[in-house]
Amino acid sequence: MRPLGLAVRGVVLVVAAVLLAALAARHVRPVPDLVAVLVVAWALWRGPVAGAVAGLAGGWALDLVPPGSGLLGMHALAYAGAGLLVGMLRVEGPVGAPRVAGAALVVSGVVEGVDVVRALSVQAPVDLAEVALRVLLTATAAALLVPLVVRAERAVLRRRFG
C-alpha cells in the first residue's frame, strides 16, 4: 500500500474514533464499534499485517481521542492483536456476510474483553448486557458495512491504477 493510501486509512480510523467519542459524550448507548468494523474490513481484505497495522492505528486513535484511555496503548494492543487474528482468517475471493460477522465478533469480543478485565481490575461496574449488545451491534454493522468499505477501496484502486 502506498503512503497516500495509508494516510487515507489513518484519517478514516481517526474519524471513526472521533465519531465514537462524540456519541459517547452525548450518552448514546450502545453504539457499534466503527473502528472494529474498519479493522475487520482491512484485515479480511489485506491480511494479518494490514489488520494488525489498522488495529494499532485505530486503537491509538481511540486511546488519544478524549476522553481517551486510562492506560495508554491498551486499545492499540487489543485492536492490533484482534486485527492480526482476523487477518489470519483471510481467504481469496468474496467473503460472505456470516464470515464478516464472525470476524467482527472476534475483534469486538477481544476488545470488549480487554475493557471488561480492565474495569474489573479497578473494581469498576460492568454492564454485561450492554457489552453483549455492543458486540452484536458491531457484528451486524460489520456484515453491512465491510462490503461497502472494500468496494470503495477497490474502486479507488481501479481508478488510480486501472
N, C-alpha and C. Protein backbone atom coordinates (compact mmCIF):
# COMPACT_ATOMS: atom_id res chain seq x y z
N MET A 1 0.85 -1.18 0.00
CA MET A 1 0.00 0.00 0.00
C MET A 1 0.89 1.23 0.00
N ARG A 2 0.49 2.18 -0.76
CA ARG A 2 1.24 3.42 -0.91
C ARG A 2 1.01 4.33 0.31
N PRO A 3 1.94 5.28 0.53
CA PRO A 3 1.79 6.18 1.67
C PRO A 3 0.48 6.95 1.67
N LEU A 4 0.00 7.37 0.50
CA LEU A 4 -1.27 8.10 0.45
C LEU A 4 -2.42 7.21 0.91
N GLY A 5 -2.42 5.97 0.50
CA GLY A 5 -3.46 5.03 0.93
C GLY A 5 -3.42 4.80 2.43
N LEU A 6 -2.22 4.69 2.99
CA LEU A 6 -2.10 4.53 4.44
C LEU A 6 -2.60 5.77 5.17
N ALA A 7 -2.29 6.94 4.63
CA ALA A 7 -2.74 8.18 5.26
C ALA A 7 -4.26 8.28 5.23
N VAL A 8 -4.86 7.90 4.10
CA VAL A 8 -6.33 7.94 4.00
C VAL A 8 -6.95 6.97 5.00
N ARG A 9 -6.39 5.77 5.10
CA ARG A 9 -6.90 4.81 6.09
C ARG A 9 -6.77 5.35 7.50
N GLY A 10 -5.64 6.00 7.79
CA GLY A 10 -5.46 6.58 9.12
C GLY A 10 -6.49 7.66 9.41
N VAL A 11 -6.77 8.50 8.44
CA VAL A 11 -7.77 9.55 8.61
C VAL A 11 -9.15 8.94 8.85
N VAL A 12 -9.48 7.90 8.09
CA VAL A 12 -10.79 7.25 8.27
C VAL A 12 -10.89 6.64 9.68
N LEU A 13 -9.81 6.04 10.16
CA LEU A 13 -9.82 5.47 11.51
C LEU A 13 -9.98 6.56 12.57
N VAL A 14 -9.31 7.69 12.38
CA VAL A 14 -9.44 8.80 13.34
C VAL A 14 -10.86 9.36 13.32
N VAL A 15 -11.45 9.48 12.13
CA VAL A 15 -12.83 9.96 12.04
C VAL A 15 -13.77 9.00 12.77
N ALA A 16 -13.56 7.70 12.60
CA ALA A 16 -14.40 6.72 13.30
C ALA A 16 -14.22 6.84 14.81
N ALA A 17 -12.99 7.03 15.28
CA ALA A 17 -12.74 7.18 16.72
C ALA A 17 -13.39 8.45 17.26
N VAL A 18 -13.30 9.55 16.51
CA VAL A 18 -13.92 10.80 16.95
C VAL A 18 -15.44 10.66 16.99
N LEU A 19 -16.00 9.98 15.99
CA LEU A 19 -17.45 9.76 15.97
C LEU A 19 -17.90 8.94 17.18
N LEU A 20 -17.14 7.90 17.52
CA LEU A 20 -17.47 7.10 18.71
C LEU A 20 -17.38 7.94 19.99
N ALA A 21 -16.35 8.77 20.08
CA ALA A 21 -16.20 9.62 21.27
C ALA A 21 -17.32 10.65 21.35
N ALA A 22 -17.72 11.20 20.21
CA ALA A 22 -18.80 12.19 20.19
C ALA A 22 -20.12 11.55 20.61
N LEU A 23 -20.39 10.36 20.12
CA LEU A 23 -21.63 9.67 20.52
C LEU A 23 -21.61 9.30 22.00
N ALA A 24 -20.46 8.89 22.50
CA ALA A 24 -20.34 8.57 23.92
C ALA A 24 -20.54 9.82 24.78
N ALA A 25 -20.05 10.95 24.30
CA ALA A 25 -20.22 12.20 25.05
C ALA A 25 -21.68 12.61 25.12
N ARG A 26 -22.45 12.22 24.13
CA ARG A 26 -23.89 12.53 24.10
C ARG A 26 -24.71 11.43 24.77
N HIS A 27 -24.02 10.46 25.38
CA HIS A 27 -24.65 9.34 26.11
C HIS A 27 -25.53 8.49 25.21
N VAL A 28 -25.14 8.34 23.94
CA VAL A 28 -25.82 7.44 23.02
C VAL A 28 -25.23 6.05 23.26
N ARG A 29 -26.07 5.11 23.71
CA ARG A 29 -25.59 3.78 24.05
C ARG A 29 -26.58 2.74 23.65
N PRO A 30 -26.19 1.59 23.33
CA PRO A 30 -24.85 1.19 22.89
C PRO A 30 -24.65 1.56 21.43
N VAL A 31 -23.41 1.70 21.04
CA VAL A 31 -23.05 2.10 19.68
C VAL A 31 -22.12 1.03 19.12
N PRO A 32 -22.33 0.62 17.86
CA PRO A 32 -21.38 -0.35 17.29
C PRO A 32 -19.99 0.26 17.17
N ASP A 33 -18.99 -0.55 17.33
CA ASP A 33 -17.60 -0.12 17.29
C ASP A 33 -17.17 0.03 15.83
N LEU A 34 -17.17 1.26 15.34
CA LEU A 34 -16.84 1.53 13.94
C LEU A 34 -15.37 1.29 13.63
N VAL A 35 -14.52 1.47 14.62
CA VAL A 35 -13.10 1.17 14.42
C VAL A 35 -12.92 -0.33 14.20
N ALA A 36 -13.64 -1.14 14.95
CA ALA A 36 -13.57 -2.60 14.77
C ALA A 36 -14.07 -3.00 13.39
N VAL A 37 -15.09 -2.33 12.90
CA VAL A 37 -15.62 -2.61 11.56
C VAL A 37 -14.55 -2.36 10.50
N LEU A 38 -13.83 -1.24 10.63
CA LEU A 38 -12.77 -0.92 9.67
C LEU A 38 -11.60 -1.90 9.77
N VAL A 39 -11.26 -2.28 10.99
CA VAL A 39 -10.18 -3.25 11.18
C VAL A 39 -10.55 -4.58 10.54
N VAL A 40 -11.79 -5.00 10.71
CA VAL A 40 -12.26 -6.25 10.10
C VAL A 40 -12.19 -6.15 8.58
N ALA A 41 -12.63 -5.04 8.03
CA ALA A 41 -12.62 -4.86 6.57
C ALA A 41 -11.22 -5.00 6.02
N TRP A 42 -10.27 -4.28 6.60
CA TRP A 42 -8.92 -4.29 6.07
C TRP A 42 -8.20 -5.59 6.38
N ALA A 43 -8.49 -6.21 7.51
CA ALA A 43 -7.84 -7.49 7.84
C ALA A 43 -8.32 -8.60 6.92
N LEU A 44 -9.62 -8.65 6.64
CA LEU A 44 -10.14 -9.69 5.75
C LEU A 44 -9.73 -9.47 4.30
N TRP A 45 -9.54 -8.21 3.91
CA TRP A 45 -9.20 -7.94 2.53
C TRP A 45 -7.70 -8.01 2.29
N ARG A 46 -6.91 -7.48 3.22
CA ARG A 46 -5.47 -7.35 3.02
C ARG A 46 -4.63 -8.38 3.78
N GLY A 47 -5.17 -8.98 4.84
CA GLY A 47 -4.42 -10.00 5.57
C GLY A 47 -4.00 -9.57 6.96
N PRO A 48 -3.23 -10.43 7.65
CA PRO A 48 -2.91 -10.19 9.05
C PRO A 48 -2.06 -8.96 9.33
N VAL A 49 -1.10 -8.66 8.46
CA VAL A 49 -0.26 -7.49 8.71
C VAL A 49 -1.08 -6.21 8.60
N ALA A 50 -1.89 -6.11 7.56
CA ALA A 50 -2.75 -4.93 7.41
C ALA A 50 -3.75 -4.85 8.55
N GLY A 51 -4.27 -5.98 8.98
CA GLY A 51 -5.21 -5.99 10.12
C GLY A 51 -4.55 -5.50 11.39
N ALA A 52 -3.32 -5.95 11.63
CA ALA A 52 -2.60 -5.52 12.83
C ALA A 52 -2.26 -4.04 12.78
N VAL A 53 -1.83 -3.56 11.61
CA VAL A 53 -1.48 -2.13 11.47
C VAL A 53 -2.73 -1.27 11.63
N ALA A 54 -3.83 -1.68 10.98
CA ALA A 54 -5.07 -0.93 11.10
C ALA A 54 -5.56 -0.95 12.55
N GLY A 55 -5.45 -2.10 13.19
CA GLY A 55 -5.85 -2.19 14.59
C GLY A 55 -5.00 -1.32 15.49
N LEU A 56 -3.70 -1.31 15.25
CA LEU A 56 -2.80 -0.48 16.05
C LEU A 56 -3.13 1.00 15.89
N ALA A 57 -3.33 1.43 14.64
CA ALA A 57 -3.65 2.84 14.38
C ALA A 57 -5.02 3.20 14.96
N GLY A 58 -6.01 2.35 14.75
CA GLY A 58 -7.34 2.62 15.29
C GLY A 58 -7.36 2.63 16.81
N GLY A 59 -6.62 1.71 17.40
CA GLY A 59 -6.54 1.67 18.86
C GLY A 59 -5.85 2.90 19.44
N TRP A 60 -4.78 3.34 18.77
CA TRP A 60 -4.12 4.57 19.21
C TRP A 60 -5.07 5.76 19.11
N ALA A 61 -5.84 5.80 18.03
CA ALA A 61 -6.80 6.90 17.88
C ALA A 61 -7.79 6.89 19.03
N LEU A 62 -8.30 5.71 19.37
CA LEU A 62 -9.24 5.63 20.50
C LEU A 62 -8.57 5.99 21.83
N ASP A 63 -7.31 5.61 21.98
CA ASP A 63 -6.58 5.92 23.22
C ASP A 63 -6.32 7.42 23.36
N LEU A 64 -6.16 8.11 22.23
CA LEU A 64 -5.77 9.52 22.28
C LEU A 64 -6.92 10.51 22.14
N VAL A 65 -8.02 10.10 21.50
CA VAL A 65 -9.17 10.99 21.35
C VAL A 65 -9.85 11.11 22.71
N PRO A 66 -10.06 12.34 23.19
CA PRO A 66 -10.69 12.49 24.51
C PRO A 66 -12.04 11.79 24.57
N PRO A 67 -12.40 11.13 25.63
CA PRO A 67 -11.73 11.08 26.92
C PRO A 67 -10.55 10.14 26.97
N GLY A 68 -10.26 9.41 25.90
CA GLY A 68 -9.07 8.57 25.86
C GLY A 68 -9.18 7.35 26.73
N SER A 69 -8.05 6.80 27.04
CA SER A 69 -7.99 5.57 27.83
C SER A 69 -7.16 5.83 29.07
N GLY A 70 -7.53 5.17 30.15
CA GLY A 70 -6.76 5.29 31.39
C GLY A 70 -5.37 4.69 31.23
N LEU A 71 -5.26 3.65 30.41
CA LEU A 71 -3.98 3.01 30.14
C LEU A 71 -3.64 3.23 28.67
N LEU A 72 -2.74 4.16 28.42
CA LEU A 72 -2.37 4.49 27.05
C LEU A 72 -1.77 3.28 26.35
N GLY A 73 -2.32 2.94 25.21
CA GLY A 73 -1.84 1.81 24.44
C GLY A 73 -2.64 0.54 24.63
N MET A 74 -3.57 0.54 25.59
CA MET A 74 -4.36 -0.67 25.86
C MET A 74 -5.22 -1.02 24.64
N HIS A 75 -5.93 -0.03 24.11
CA HIS A 75 -6.76 -0.30 22.94
C HIS A 75 -5.90 -0.59 21.71
N ALA A 76 -4.78 0.08 21.60
CA ALA A 76 -3.90 -0.15 20.45
C ALA A 76 -3.45 -1.60 20.39
N LEU A 77 -3.03 -2.14 21.52
CA LEU A 77 -2.60 -3.54 21.55
C LEU A 77 -3.76 -4.50 21.34
N ALA A 78 -4.90 -4.20 21.93
CA ALA A 78 -6.06 -5.09 21.79
C ALA A 78 -6.54 -5.13 20.34
N TYR A 79 -6.67 -3.98 19.70
CA TYR A 79 -7.11 -3.93 18.31
C TYR A 79 -6.06 -4.54 17.37
N ALA A 80 -4.77 -4.31 17.66
CA ALA A 80 -3.71 -4.89 16.82
C ALA A 80 -3.74 -6.41 16.89
N GLY A 81 -3.88 -6.95 18.10
CA GLY A 81 -3.97 -8.40 18.24
C GLY A 81 -5.20 -8.97 17.57
N ALA A 82 -6.31 -8.29 17.72
CA ALA A 82 -7.55 -8.75 17.09
C ALA A 82 -7.46 -8.65 15.57
N GLY A 83 -6.86 -7.58 15.06
CA GLY A 83 -6.69 -7.43 13.61
C GLY A 83 -5.77 -8.51 13.04
N LEU A 84 -4.73 -8.83 13.78
CA LEU A 84 -3.83 -9.91 13.36
C LEU A 84 -4.56 -11.24 13.32
N LEU A 85 -5.33 -11.51 14.36
CA LEU A 85 -6.09 -12.76 14.44
C LEU A 85 -7.10 -12.87 13.30
N VAL A 86 -7.85 -11.82 13.05
CA VAL A 86 -8.85 -11.83 12.00
C VAL A 86 -8.19 -11.90 10.61
N GLY A 87 -7.05 -11.25 10.46
CA GLY A 87 -6.34 -11.31 9.19
C GLY A 87 -5.93 -12.72 8.82
N MET A 88 -5.72 -13.56 9.82
CA MET A 88 -5.39 -14.96 9.57
C MET A 88 -6.58 -15.74 9.02
N LEU A 89 -7.78 -15.18 9.15
CA LEU A 89 -8.98 -15.81 8.62
C LEU A 89 -9.22 -15.44 7.16
N ARG A 90 -8.34 -14.65 6.59
CA ARG A 90 -8.49 -14.17 5.21
C ARG A 90 -8.50 -15.33 4.23
N VAL A 91 -9.39 -15.24 3.26
CA VAL A 91 -9.45 -16.21 2.16
C VAL A 91 -9.49 -15.42 0.86
N GLU A 92 -9.02 -16.04 -0.21
CA GLU A 92 -9.07 -15.40 -1.52
C GLU A 92 -10.51 -15.40 -2.02
N GLY A 93 -10.90 -14.36 -2.70
CA GLY A 93 -12.23 -14.28 -3.27
C GLY A 93 -13.21 -13.59 -2.35
N PRO A 94 -14.47 -13.61 -2.73
CA PRO A 94 -15.50 -12.93 -1.95
C PRO A 94 -15.67 -13.56 -0.56
N VAL A 95 -16.00 -12.70 0.38
CA VAL A 95 -16.23 -13.16 1.75
C VAL A 95 -17.69 -12.89 2.08
N GLY A 96 -18.38 -13.90 2.56
CA GLY A 96 -19.80 -13.77 2.86
C GLY A 96 -20.05 -13.03 4.16
N ALA A 97 -21.27 -12.57 4.31
CA ALA A 97 -21.68 -11.82 5.50
C ALA A 97 -21.50 -12.62 6.78
N PRO A 98 -21.79 -13.93 6.81
CA PRO A 98 -21.56 -14.68 8.06
C PRO A 98 -20.10 -14.69 8.49
N ARG A 99 -19.18 -14.79 7.54
CA ARG A 99 -17.75 -14.78 7.89
C ARG A 99 -17.34 -13.40 8.40
N VAL A 100 -17.87 -12.36 7.76
CA VAL A 100 -17.56 -10.99 8.21
C VAL A 100 -18.11 -10.77 9.62
N ALA A 101 -19.34 -11.19 9.86
CA ALA A 101 -19.94 -11.03 11.19
C ALA A 101 -19.16 -11.83 12.23
N GLY A 102 -18.72 -13.03 11.87
CA GLY A 102 -17.92 -13.83 12.80
C GLY A 102 -16.60 -13.17 13.12
N ALA A 103 -15.96 -12.60 12.10
CA ALA A 103 -14.70 -11.89 12.31
C ALA A 103 -14.92 -10.66 13.20
N ALA A 104 -16.03 -9.97 12.99
CA ALA A 104 -16.34 -8.81 13.83
C ALA A 104 -16.62 -9.24 15.26
N LEU A 105 -17.24 -10.39 15.44
CA LEU A 105 -17.45 -10.91 16.79
C LEU A 105 -16.11 -11.17 17.48
N VAL A 106 -15.14 -11.68 16.72
CA VAL A 106 -13.81 -11.93 17.29
C VAL A 106 -13.15 -10.63 17.71
N VAL A 107 -13.12 -9.64 16.79
CA VAL A 107 -12.48 -8.36 17.11
C VAL A 107 -13.18 -7.68 18.28
N SER A 108 -14.49 -7.58 18.19
CA SER A 108 -15.25 -6.91 19.24
C SER A 108 -15.15 -7.66 20.56
N GLY A 109 -15.17 -8.98 20.50
CA GLY A 109 -15.04 -9.77 21.72
C GLY A 109 -13.70 -9.57 22.41
N VAL A 110 -12.63 -9.52 21.61
CA VAL A 110 -11.29 -9.30 22.19
C VAL A 110 -11.22 -7.92 22.83
N VAL A 111 -11.67 -6.90 22.09
CA VAL A 111 -11.57 -5.53 22.59
C VAL A 111 -12.45 -5.33 23.82
N GLU A 112 -13.69 -5.80 23.75
CA GLU A 112 -14.59 -5.66 24.90
C GLU A 112 -14.09 -6.48 26.08
N GLY A 113 -13.52 -7.64 25.80
CA GLY A 113 -12.96 -8.46 26.88
C GLY A 113 -11.84 -7.75 27.62
N VAL A 114 -10.97 -7.07 26.86
CA VAL A 114 -9.89 -6.31 27.49
C VAL A 114 -10.47 -5.18 28.34
N ASP A 115 -11.50 -4.50 27.81
CA ASP A 115 -12.14 -3.42 28.58
C ASP A 115 -12.79 -3.94 29.86
N VAL A 116 -13.44 -5.10 29.76
CA VAL A 116 -14.09 -5.68 30.94
C VAL A 116 -13.05 -6.06 31.98
N VAL A 117 -11.96 -6.69 31.56
CA VAL A 117 -10.91 -7.08 32.50
C VAL A 117 -10.31 -5.85 33.17
N ARG A 118 -10.07 -4.78 32.38
CA ARG A 118 -9.53 -3.55 32.96
C ARG A 118 -10.49 -2.97 33.98
N ALA A 119 -11.78 -2.94 33.65
CA ALA A 119 -12.78 -2.39 34.57
C ALA A 119 -12.85 -3.23 35.85
N LEU A 120 -12.83 -4.53 35.71
CA LEU A 120 -12.89 -5.39 36.89
C LEU A 120 -11.63 -5.27 37.75
N SER A 121 -10.49 -4.99 37.11
CA SER A 121 -9.25 -4.88 37.88
C SER A 121 -9.23 -3.64 38.78
N VAL A 122 -10.02 -2.63 38.43
CA VAL A 122 -10.10 -1.43 39.27
C VAL A 122 -11.44 -1.36 39.99
N GLN A 123 -12.16 -2.48 39.99
CA GLN A 123 -13.44 -2.62 40.67
C GLN A 123 -14.50 -1.64 40.17
N ALA A 124 -14.47 -1.37 38.87
CA ALA A 124 -15.50 -0.52 38.25
C ALA A 124 -16.68 -1.40 37.85
N PRO A 125 -17.87 -0.85 37.85
CA PRO A 125 -19.03 -1.65 37.46
C PRO A 125 -19.00 -1.97 35.96
N VAL A 126 -19.51 -3.15 35.61
CA VAL A 126 -19.56 -3.59 34.22
C VAL A 126 -20.97 -4.06 33.93
N ASP A 127 -21.57 -3.50 32.88
CA ASP A 127 -22.90 -3.92 32.44
C ASP A 127 -22.72 -4.93 31.31
N LEU A 128 -22.77 -6.21 31.65
CA LEU A 128 -22.51 -7.26 30.67
C LEU A 128 -23.57 -7.30 29.58
N ALA A 129 -24.81 -6.92 29.89
CA ALA A 129 -25.85 -6.89 28.86
C ALA A 129 -25.51 -5.84 27.80
N GLU A 130 -25.04 -4.68 28.23
CA GLU A 130 -24.65 -3.63 27.28
C GLU A 130 -23.43 -4.05 26.47
N VAL A 131 -22.49 -4.73 27.11
CA VAL A 131 -21.31 -5.22 26.39
C VAL A 131 -21.72 -6.22 25.31
N ALA A 132 -22.60 -7.15 25.66
CA ALA A 132 -23.06 -8.15 24.70
C ALA A 132 -23.82 -7.50 23.55
N LEU A 133 -24.65 -6.53 23.86
CA LEU A 133 -25.40 -5.83 22.82
C LEU A 133 -24.47 -5.06 21.89
N ARG A 134 -23.43 -4.44 22.46
CA ARG A 134 -22.47 -3.69 21.64
C ARG A 134 -21.71 -4.64 20.71
N VAL A 135 -21.35 -5.82 21.20
CA VAL A 135 -20.67 -6.81 20.36
C VAL A 135 -21.57 -7.26 19.21
N LEU A 136 -22.84 -7.51 19.50
CA LEU A 136 -23.78 -7.92 18.46
C LEU A 136 -24.04 -6.80 17.46
N LEU A 137 -24.15 -5.57 17.94
CA LEU A 137 -24.33 -4.43 17.03
C LEU A 137 -23.11 -4.25 16.12
N THR A 138 -21.94 -4.45 16.67
CA THR A 138 -20.72 -4.33 15.88
C THR A 138 -20.67 -5.40 14.79
N ALA A 139 -21.05 -6.63 15.14
CA ALA A 139 -21.07 -7.71 14.15
C ALA A 139 -22.07 -7.43 13.05
N THR A 140 -23.23 -6.91 13.41
CA THR A 140 -24.25 -6.58 12.42
C THR A 140 -23.78 -5.43 11.53
N ALA A 141 -23.22 -4.39 12.14
CA ALA A 141 -22.72 -3.26 11.35
C ALA A 141 -21.60 -3.71 10.41
N ALA A 142 -20.75 -4.61 10.87
CA ALA A 142 -19.67 -5.10 10.02
C ALA A 142 -20.21 -5.88 8.84
N ALA A 143 -21.21 -6.73 9.09
CA ALA A 143 -21.79 -7.51 7.99
C ALA A 143 -22.38 -6.59 6.92
N LEU A 144 -22.88 -5.43 7.34
CA LEU A 144 -23.48 -4.48 6.39
C LEU A 144 -22.45 -3.53 5.77
N LEU A 145 -21.47 -3.09 6.54
CA LEU A 145 -20.56 -2.03 6.09
C LEU A 145 -19.26 -2.52 5.47
N VAL A 146 -18.77 -3.68 5.87
CA VAL A 146 -17.49 -4.16 5.34
C VAL A 146 -17.52 -4.30 3.81
N PRO A 147 -18.57 -4.87 3.22
CA PRO A 147 -18.58 -4.92 1.75
C PRO A 147 -18.52 -3.53 1.11
N LEU A 148 -19.13 -2.54 1.73
CA LEU A 148 -19.08 -1.18 1.19
C LEU A 148 -17.68 -0.59 1.28
N VAL A 149 -17.00 -0.84 2.41
CA VAL A 149 -15.63 -0.32 2.59
C VAL A 149 -14.70 -0.96 1.57
N VAL A 150 -14.79 -2.27 1.40
CA VAL A 150 -13.92 -2.98 0.45
C VAL A 150 -14.23 -2.53 -0.98
N ARG A 151 -15.51 -2.38 -1.31
CA ARG A 151 -15.89 -1.95 -2.66
C ARG A 151 -15.37 -0.53 -2.93
N ALA A 152 -15.45 0.35 -1.95
CA ALA A 152 -14.95 1.72 -2.12
C ALA A 152 -13.44 1.71 -2.33
N GLU A 153 -12.73 0.91 -1.55
CA GLU A 153 -11.28 0.87 -1.71
C GLU A 153 -10.88 0.26 -3.06
N ARG A 154 -11.59 -0.76 -3.49
CA ARG A 154 -11.31 -1.34 -4.81
C ARG A 154 -11.57 -0.33 -5.92
N ALA A 155 -12.64 0.45 -5.79
CA ALA A 155 -12.96 1.46 -6.80
C ALA A 155 -11.86 2.51 -6.88
N VAL A 156 -11.34 2.91 -5.74
CA VAL A 156 -10.27 3.90 -5.72
C VAL A 156 -9.02 3.32 -6.36
N LEU A 157 -8.68 2.07 -6.06
CA LEU A 157 -7.51 1.44 -6.65
C LEU A 157 -7.68 1.29 -8.16
N ARG A 158 -8.88 0.90 -8.60
CA ARG A 158 -9.14 0.73 -10.02
C ARG A 158 -9.00 2.06 -10.76
N ARG A 159 -9.53 3.11 -10.16
CA ARG A 159 -9.47 4.43 -10.80
C ARG A 159 -8.03 4.93 -10.86
N ARG A 160 -7.27 4.61 -9.83
CA ARG A 160 -5.91 5.09 -9.74
C ARG A 160 -4.95 4.30 -10.63
N PHE A 161 -5.15 2.99 -10.69
CA PHE A 161 -4.20 2.14 -11.42
C PHE A 161 -4.79 1.46 -12.64
N GLY A 162 -6.11 1.65 -12.87
CA GLY A 162 -6.75 0.93 -13.97
C GLY A 162 -6.92 1.73 -15.22
